[in-house]
Every structure is written in structure tokens, then in C-alpha cells.
């Protein structure tokens, strides 16, 4: 006698979950840009108040270069996330099943 266990039917996938990665991309970019700004202000203040100590000046210059790179990476991620979200919205609106898309989804 063979016993088969039937798995419950899979609920329809919520189409709103498809934009999660685009939002994460945008938010990580915003966090990088905001963090670079926050730490950049601290770097400039530390270098200005260092009194000309060469170690602090060199460390501040290296930190400033890293912060510029972090802000550029943040801006790129925010741009990619924005474009991704816009494309997702356009794709959702042009679909043939757009009026049926939000029926029978998980709440």
C-alpha cells in the first residue's frame, strides 16, 4: 500500500512582491549616500581641527576618497532602483491581465 501526501495548492503569488528588490536597491543606495554625507562631514571636521597632524590629514584624505566612492555607488544604486521601479510600473500597466492581476492574491 502506497501512501501519497498531497501538498496544499500554492496560493497565487502577490504581484506587489516583485517590486521588493527594486525598493531594496534604491534604499541601500540612499543609505550609502546618506552615510557618506554623514561621515564626510565628520571627516572634514576632524581634518580641520587636527592642527596639521600629518597622520590625521593622510587618514582624512583616504577617508574622503572612500566616501566619494561610496556616494557615487549610492547614487548609482538609487538611479538603478528608480529606473527599475518605473519599468516595473510600466510593465504592470501594459500587461493584458492588468485588471485581473490583483484578484485572488494573498493579503
N, C-alpha and C. Protein backbone atom coordinates (compact mmCIF):
# COMPACT_ATOMS: atom_id res chain seq x y z
N UNK A 1 0.83 -1.16 0.00
CA UNK A 1 0.00 0.00 0.00
C UNK A 1 0.89 1.24 0.00
N UNK A 2 0.65 2.10 -0.95
CA UNK A 2 1.49 3.29 -1.12
C UNK A 2 0.77 4.51 -0.58
N UNK A 3 1.46 5.29 0.21
CA UNK A 3 0.86 6.48 0.80
C UNK A 3 1.44 7.71 0.12
N UNK A 4 0.57 8.51 -0.43
CA UNK A 4 1.00 9.75 -1.07
C UNK A 4 0.41 10.92 -0.30
N UNK A 5 1.26 11.83 -0.01
CA UNK A 5 0.82 13.03 0.70
C UNK A 5 0.69 14.15 -0.32
N UNK A 6 -0.48 14.70 -0.38
CA UNK A 6 -0.69 15.79 -1.33
C UNK A 6 -0.39 17.11 -0.62
N UNK A 7 0.41 17.90 -1.28
CA UNK A 7 0.71 19.21 -0.71
C UNK A 7 -0.43 20.17 -1.01
N UNK A 8 -0.65 21.13 -0.15
CA UNK A 8 -1.74 22.08 -0.40
C UNK A 8 -1.43 22.91 -1.64
N UNK A 9 -2.46 23.35 -2.32
CA UNK A 9 -2.20 24.15 -3.53
C UNK A 9 -1.48 25.44 -3.16
N UNK A 10 -0.59 25.83 -4.03
CA UNK A 10 0.19 27.04 -3.78
C UNK A 10 -0.69 28.27 -4.03
N UNK A 11 -0.72 29.21 -3.08
CA UNK A 11 -1.56 30.40 -3.29
C UNK A 11 -0.98 31.25 -4.41
N UNK A 12 -1.83 32.03 -5.05
CA UNK A 12 -1.32 32.89 -6.12
C UNK A 12 -0.27 33.86 -5.57
N UNK A 13 0.75 34.10 -6.35
CA UNK A 13 1.82 34.98 -5.91
C UNK A 13 1.36 36.43 -5.99
N UNK A 14 1.63 37.16 -4.95
CA UNK A 14 1.23 38.56 -4.90
C UNK A 14 2.15 39.37 -5.81
N UNK A 15 1.60 40.05 -6.82
CA UNK A 15 2.45 40.80 -7.75
C UNK A 15 3.15 41.98 -7.10
N UNK A 16 2.69 42.40 -5.93
CA UNK A 16 3.35 43.51 -5.26
C UNK A 16 4.73 43.11 -4.73
N UNK A 17 4.99 41.82 -4.56
CA UNK A 17 6.27 41.36 -4.07
C UNK A 17 7.36 41.49 -5.13
N UNK A 18 7.00 41.70 -6.38
CA UNK A 18 8.00 41.79 -7.43
C UNK A 18 8.81 43.07 -7.34
N UNK A 19 8.28 44.11 -6.72
CA UNK A 19 9.00 45.38 -6.64
C UNK A 19 9.89 45.47 -5.42
N UNK A 20 9.94 44.43 -4.60
CA UNK A 20 10.73 44.48 -3.37
C UNK A 20 12.21 44.69 -3.66
N UNK A 21 12.75 44.01 -4.66
CA UNK A 21 14.18 44.13 -4.96
C UNK A 21 14.53 45.52 -5.46
N UNK A 22 13.66 46.13 -6.24
CA UNK A 22 13.90 47.48 -6.73
C UNK A 22 13.91 48.48 -5.57
N UNK A 23 13.00 48.30 -4.64
CA UNK A 23 12.94 49.19 -3.48
C UNK A 23 14.18 48.99 -2.60
N UNK A 24 14.60 47.74 -2.43
CA UNK A 24 15.82 47.48 -1.66
C UNK A 24 17.04 48.12 -2.32
N UNK A 25 17.13 48.03 -3.63
CA UNK A 25 18.24 48.64 -4.36
C UNK A 25 18.26 50.15 -4.12
N UNK A 26 17.10 50.79 -4.22
CA UNK A 26 17.01 52.23 -4.01
C UNK A 26 17.37 52.59 -2.57
N UNK A 27 16.84 51.85 -1.60
CA UNK A 27 17.07 52.18 -0.19
C UNK A 27 18.52 51.95 0.22
N UNK A 28 19.16 50.91 -0.29
CA UNK A 28 20.58 50.68 0.01
C UNK A 28 21.41 51.81 -0.58
N UNK A 29 21.07 52.25 -1.78
CA UNK A 29 21.77 53.39 -2.38
C UNK A 29 21.58 54.66 -1.57
N UNK A 30 20.36 54.90 -1.10
CA UNK A 30 20.10 56.08 -0.27
C UNK A 30 20.87 55.99 1.04
N UNK A 31 20.94 54.80 1.62
CA UNK A 31 21.71 54.62 2.85
C UNK A 31 23.20 54.87 2.64
N UNK A 32 23.73 54.39 1.52
CA UNK A 32 25.15 54.65 1.22
C UNK A 32 25.41 56.13 1.03
N UNK A 33 24.54 56.80 0.28
CA UNK A 33 24.73 58.24 0.04
C UNK A 33 24.58 59.03 1.33
N UNK A 34 23.57 58.69 2.13
CA UNK A 34 23.38 59.38 3.41
C UNK A 34 24.52 59.13 4.38
N UNK A 35 24.99 57.89 4.44
CA UNK A 35 26.12 57.56 5.30
C UNK A 35 27.39 58.26 4.86
N UNK A 36 27.61 58.35 3.55
CA UNK A 36 28.79 59.05 3.04
C UNK A 36 28.73 60.52 3.40
N UNK A 37 27.54 61.12 3.31
CA UNK A 37 27.41 62.52 3.68
C UNK A 37 27.69 62.70 5.18
N UNK A 38 27.09 61.85 6.00
CA UNK A 38 27.24 61.96 7.45
C UNK A 38 28.72 61.81 7.85
N UNK A 39 29.38 60.77 7.34
CA UNK A 39 30.77 60.57 7.69
C UNK A 39 31.70 61.56 7.00
N UNK A 40 31.28 62.08 5.87
CA UNK A 40 32.07 63.10 5.18
C UNK A 40 32.15 64.38 5.97
N UNK A 41 31.04 64.77 6.59
CA UNK A 41 31.05 65.96 7.44
C UNK A 41 32.01 65.75 8.61
N UNK A 42 31.98 64.57 9.20
CA UNK A 42 32.89 64.26 10.31
C UNK A 42 34.34 64.25 9.87
N UNK A 43 34.60 63.76 8.67
CA UNK A 43 35.97 63.73 8.16
C UNK A 43 36.51 65.13 7.96
N UNK A 44 35.70 66.00 7.38
CA UNK A 44 36.13 67.37 7.15
C UNK A 44 36.36 68.08 8.48
N UNK A 45 35.47 67.86 9.45
CA UNK A 45 35.64 68.49 10.76
C UNK A 45 36.90 67.99 11.45
N UNK A 46 37.16 66.69 11.38
CA UNK A 46 38.36 66.13 12.02
C UNK A 46 39.62 66.66 11.36
N UNK A 47 39.63 66.76 10.04
CA UNK A 47 40.80 67.28 9.34
C UNK A 47 41.01 68.76 9.65
N UNK A 48 39.91 69.51 9.77
CA UNK A 48 40.03 70.93 10.06
C UNK A 48 40.53 71.17 11.48
N UNK A 49 40.14 70.34 12.42
CA UNK A 49 40.51 70.53 13.81
C UNK A 49 41.76 69.75 14.22
N UNK A 50 42.43 69.11 13.26
CA UNK A 50 43.57 68.26 13.59
C UNK A 50 44.81 69.05 13.96
N UNK A 51 44.88 70.28 13.55
CA UNK A 51 46.06 71.08 13.85
C UNK A 51 47.24 70.76 12.94
N UNK A 52 46.99 70.14 11.83
CA UNK A 52 48.05 69.86 10.86
C UNK A 52 48.80 68.57 11.12
N UNK A 53 48.29 67.70 11.95
CA UNK A 53 48.93 66.41 12.21
C UNK A 53 48.93 65.60 10.91
N UNK A 54 50.11 65.22 10.39
CA UNK A 54 50.17 64.54 9.10
C UNK A 54 49.39 63.22 9.05
N UNK A 55 49.38 62.47 10.13
CA UNK A 55 48.68 61.19 10.14
C UNK A 55 47.17 61.41 9.99
N UNK A 56 46.66 62.41 10.66
CA UNK A 56 45.23 62.69 10.58
C UNK A 56 44.87 63.24 9.20
N UNK A 57 45.75 64.06 8.63
CA UNK A 57 45.49 64.62 7.31
C UNK A 57 45.48 63.52 6.25
N UNK A 58 46.45 62.60 6.31
CA UNK A 58 46.50 61.50 5.35
C UNK A 58 45.30 60.58 5.54
N UNK A 59 44.97 60.27 6.79
CA UNK A 59 43.79 59.44 7.05
C UNK A 59 42.51 60.10 6.59
N UNK A 60 42.42 61.41 6.77
CA UNK A 60 41.25 62.15 6.29
C UNK A 60 41.15 62.15 4.78
N UNK A 61 42.30 62.26 4.11
CA UNK A 61 42.29 62.24 2.64
C UNK A 61 41.85 60.87 2.12
N UNK A 62 42.35 59.82 2.74
CA UNK A 62 41.95 58.47 2.33
C UNK A 62 40.46 58.24 2.61
N UNK A 63 40.01 58.71 3.77
CA UNK A 63 38.58 58.57 4.10
C UNK A 63 37.73 59.37 3.13
N UNK A 64 38.19 60.55 2.75
CA UNK A 64 37.42 61.38 1.80
C UNK A 64 37.30 60.69 0.45
N UNK A 65 38.36 60.04 0.01
CA UNK A 65 38.30 59.31 -1.27
C UNK A 65 37.30 58.15 -1.16
N UNK A 66 37.36 57.41 -0.05
CA UNK A 66 36.41 56.31 0.16
C UNK A 66 34.97 56.80 0.22
N UNK A 67 34.76 57.94 0.86
CA UNK A 67 33.41 58.48 0.97
C UNK A 67 32.87 58.96 -0.37
N UNK A 68 33.74 59.52 -1.19
CA UNK A 68 33.31 59.91 -2.54
C UNK A 68 32.89 58.68 -3.34
N UNK A 69 33.68 57.62 -3.22
CA UNK A 69 33.32 56.38 -3.93
C UNK A 69 32.01 55.80 -3.40
N UNK A 70 31.79 55.87 -2.08
CA UNK A 70 30.54 55.37 -1.50
C UNK A 70 29.35 56.20 -1.96
N UNK A 71 29.53 57.51 -2.05
CA UNK A 71 28.41 58.35 -2.50
C UNK A 71 28.12 58.11 -3.97
N UNK A 72 29.13 57.88 -4.78
CA UNK A 72 28.90 57.57 -6.20
C UNK A 72 28.18 56.23 -6.33
N UNK A 73 28.61 55.23 -5.56
CA UNK A 73 27.94 53.93 -5.60
C UNK A 73 26.49 54.07 -5.13
N UNK A 74 26.25 54.88 -4.10
CA UNK A 74 24.89 55.11 -3.63
C UNK A 74 24.03 55.78 -4.68
N UNK A 75 24.59 56.77 -5.37
CA UNK A 75 23.83 57.46 -6.42
C UNK A 75 23.49 56.51 -7.57
N UNK A 76 24.44 55.65 -7.92
CA UNK A 76 24.20 54.68 -9.00
C UNK A 76 23.11 53.69 -8.58
N UNK A 77 23.17 53.20 -7.35
CA UNK A 77 22.14 52.26 -6.88
C UNK A 77 20.77 52.93 -6.82
N UNK A 78 20.72 54.18 -6.41
CA UNK A 78 19.44 54.89 -6.38
C UNK A 78 18.89 55.08 -7.79
N UNK A 79 19.76 55.40 -8.74
CA UNK A 79 19.33 55.57 -10.13
C UNK A 79 18.82 54.25 -10.70
N UNK A 80 19.55 53.17 -10.46
CA UNK A 80 19.13 51.85 -10.96
C UNK A 80 17.81 51.44 -10.32
N UNK A 81 17.67 51.66 -9.01
CA UNK A 81 16.41 51.32 -8.33
C UNK A 81 15.24 52.12 -8.86
N UNK A 82 15.45 53.40 -9.12
CA UNK A 82 14.38 54.25 -9.66
C UNK A 82 13.96 53.79 -11.04
N UNK A 83 14.93 53.54 -11.91
CA UNK A 83 14.62 53.08 -13.26
C UNK A 83 13.92 51.73 -13.20
N UNK A 84 14.37 50.85 -12.34
CA UNK A 84 13.77 49.53 -12.18
C UNK A 84 12.32 49.64 -11.75
N UNK A 85 12.03 50.53 -10.79
CA UNK A 85 10.64 50.71 -10.33
C UNK A 85 9.76 51.28 -11.44
N UNK A 86 10.28 52.24 -12.20
CA UNK A 86 9.49 52.83 -13.29
C UNK A 86 9.19 51.79 -14.35
N UNK A 87 10.18 50.99 -14.70
CA UNK A 87 9.97 49.93 -15.70
C UNK A 87 8.96 48.92 -15.19
N UNK A 88 9.03 48.59 -13.90
CA UNK A 88 8.08 47.65 -13.32
C UNK A 88 6.65 48.18 -13.38
N UNK A 89 6.48 49.46 -13.10
CA UNK A 89 5.15 50.08 -13.17
C UNK A 89 4.63 50.06 -14.59
N UNK A 90 5.47 50.41 -15.54
CA UNK A 90 5.05 50.40 -16.95
C UNK A 90 4.70 48.99 -17.40
N UNK A 91 5.51 48.01 -17.00
CA UNK A 91 5.23 46.62 -17.38
C UNK A 91 3.93 46.14 -16.75
N UNK A 92 3.65 46.56 -15.51
CA UNK A 92 2.41 46.15 -14.86
C UNK A 92 1.19 46.75 -15.54
N UNK A 93 1.32 47.97 -16.04
CA UNK A 93 0.17 48.63 -16.65
C UNK A 93 -0.08 48.17 -18.08
N UNK A 94 0.94 47.71 -18.76
CA UNK A 94 0.76 47.30 -20.15
C UNK A 94 0.41 45.83 -20.32
N UNK A 95 0.37 45.11 -19.23
CA UNK A 95 0.04 43.69 -19.30
C UNK A 95 -1.41 43.49 -19.70
N UNK A 96 -1.67 42.40 -20.41
CA UNK A 96 -3.03 42.10 -20.84
C UNK A 96 -3.93 41.76 -19.67
N UNK A 97 -3.36 41.19 -18.63
CA UNK A 97 -4.14 40.74 -17.49
C UNK A 97 -4.11 41.77 -16.36
N UNK A 98 -3.92 43.03 -16.68
CA UNK A 98 -3.73 44.03 -15.63
C UNK A 98 -4.95 44.19 -14.74
N UNK A 99 -6.16 44.04 -15.29
CA UNK A 99 -7.34 44.20 -14.45
C UNK A 99 -7.59 42.98 -13.56
N UNK A 100 -7.04 41.82 -13.93
CA UNK A 100 -7.23 40.60 -13.14
C UNK A 100 -6.06 40.33 -12.19
N UNK A 101 -5.04 41.14 -12.27
CA UNK A 101 -3.81 40.86 -11.56
C UNK A 101 -3.99 40.86 -10.04
N UNK A 102 -4.77 41.77 -9.51
CA UNK A 102 -4.88 41.91 -8.07
C UNK A 102 -6.07 41.19 -7.47
N UNK A 103 -6.65 40.31 -8.21
CA UNK A 103 -7.72 39.46 -7.66
C UNK A 103 -7.10 38.18 -7.13
N UNK A 104 -7.66 37.66 -6.08
CA UNK A 104 -7.24 36.38 -5.51
C UNK A 104 -5.75 36.34 -5.18
N UNK A 105 -5.25 37.34 -4.50
CA UNK A 105 -3.86 37.32 -4.06
C UNK A 105 -3.82 37.26 -2.55
N UNK A 106 -2.70 36.87 -2.02
CA UNK A 106 -2.55 36.79 -0.58
C UNK A 106 -2.63 38.19 0.02
N UNK A 107 -3.25 38.30 1.14
CA UNK A 107 -3.41 39.61 1.79
C UNK A 107 -2.59 39.65 3.03
